């Protein structure tokens, strides 16, 4: 007796008329309100975004400050084009 292979694929879990992947893709396209991400996936992505924001903030604070628009009275006056 053969066992059914375990899978994480949603396409295999949904039973529609034919059960074919192409038909499942069409069903998903036609019914976007019924297709949602799993709670586990959503929680994982939220955690990743939080961690990414913390890292970005740390990078911004540890970096050096640069003058994006330095004072106009410095080396190059506005009329000088050399």
Protein backbone atom coordinates (compact mmCIF):
# COMPACT_ATOMS: atom_id res chain seq x y z
CA UNK A 1 0.00 0.00 0.00
CA UNK A 2 1.47 3.34 -1.02
CA UNK A 3 1.34 6.36 1.19
CA UNK A 4 0.50 9.80 -0.06
CA UNK A 5 3.51 12.12 -0.06
CA UNK A 6 3.36 14.95 2.46
CA UNK A 7 3.36 18.39 0.93
CA UNK A 8 3.08 22.00 1.90
CA UNK A 9 1.62 22.94 -1.44
CA UNK A 10 -1.81 24.53 -1.22
CA UNK A 11 -2.62 23.32 -4.70
CA UNK A 12 -2.64 19.72 -3.47
CA UNK A 13 -4.88 20.49 -0.50
CA UNK A 14 -7.65 22.16 -2.47
CA UNK A 15 -10.11 19.89 -4.23
CA UNK A 16 -11.91 21.40 -7.15
CA UNK A 17 -13.51 19.64 -10.11
CA UNK A 18 -10.40 18.27 -11.75
CA UNK A 19 -7.85 18.75 -9.00
CA UNK A 20 -5.27 19.95 -11.49
CA UNK A 21 -2.79 22.71 -10.66
CA UNK A 22 -3.83 24.78 -13.68
CA UNK A 23 -7.46 24.69 -12.56
CA UNK A 24 -6.45 25.62 -9.03
CA UNK A 25 -4.53 28.63 -10.33
CA UNK A 26 -7.61 29.71 -12.29
CA UNK A 27 -9.81 29.23 -9.21
CA UNK A 28 -7.41 31.34 -7.11
CA UNK A 29 -7.49 34.06 -9.74
CA UNK A 30 -11.29 34.01 -9.85
CA UNK A 31 -11.75 33.95 -6.03
CA UNK A 32 -9.16 36.26 -4.45
CA UNK A 33 -11.33 36.85 -1.38
CA UNK A 34 -11.23 33.15 -0.42
CA UNK A 35 -7.45 32.85 -0.70
CA UNK A 36 -5.55 33.98 2.39
CA UNK A 37 -2.08 33.36 3.77
CA UNK A 38 -1.66 31.07 6.74
CA UNK A 39 -1.35 32.64 10.18
CA UNK A 40 2.09 31.14 10.54
CA UNK A 41 3.30 32.79 7.32
CA UNK A 42 1.78 36.15 8.25
CA UNK A 43 3.37 36.06 11.73
CA UNK A 44 6.73 35.10 10.23
CA UNK A 45 6.64 37.99 7.76
CA UNK A 46 5.60 40.47 10.47
CA UNK A 47 8.54 39.36 12.59
CA UNK A 48 10.90 39.69 9.62
CA UNK A 49 9.66 43.22 8.90
CA UNK A 50 10.12 44.26 12.53
CA UNK A 51 13.65 42.88 12.57
CA UNK A 52 14.42 44.58 9.27
CA UNK A 53 13.18 47.93 10.63
CA UNK A 54 15.32 47.57 13.76
CA UNK A 55 18.41 46.81 11.67
CA UNK A 56 17.74 49.75 9.35
CA UNK A 57 17.35 52.12 12.29
CA UNK A 58 20.59 50.84 13.82
CA UNK A 59 22.40 51.39 10.50
CA UNK A 60 21.04 54.91 10.20
CA UNK A 61 22.07 55.84 13.72
CA UNK A 62 25.57 54.35 13.46
CA UNK A 63 26.35 55.99 10.11
CA UNK A 64 28.13 59.29 9.72
CA UNK A 65 26.27 62.52 9.06
CA UNK A 66 26.80 64.17 5.71
CA UNK A 67 25.78 67.61 4.55
CA UNK A 68 23.37 67.06 1.68
CA UNK A 69 22.85 70.78 1.04
CA UNK A 70 25.92 72.55 2.38
CA UNK A 71 25.81 76.29 2.94
CA UNK A 72 26.02 78.30 -0.28
CA UNK A 73 28.86 80.44 1.11
CA UNK A 74 31.39 77.59 0.97
CA UNK A 75 33.95 76.71 -1.74
CA UNK A 76 31.78 77.09 -4.85
CA UNK A 77 29.71 80.27 -5.13
CA UNK A 78 26.55 79.90 -7.27
CA UNK A 79 27.89 82.04 -10.16
CA UNK A 80 31.22 80.21 -10.44
CA UNK A 81 31.11 77.40 -13.05
CA UNK A 82 34.74 76.26 -13.12
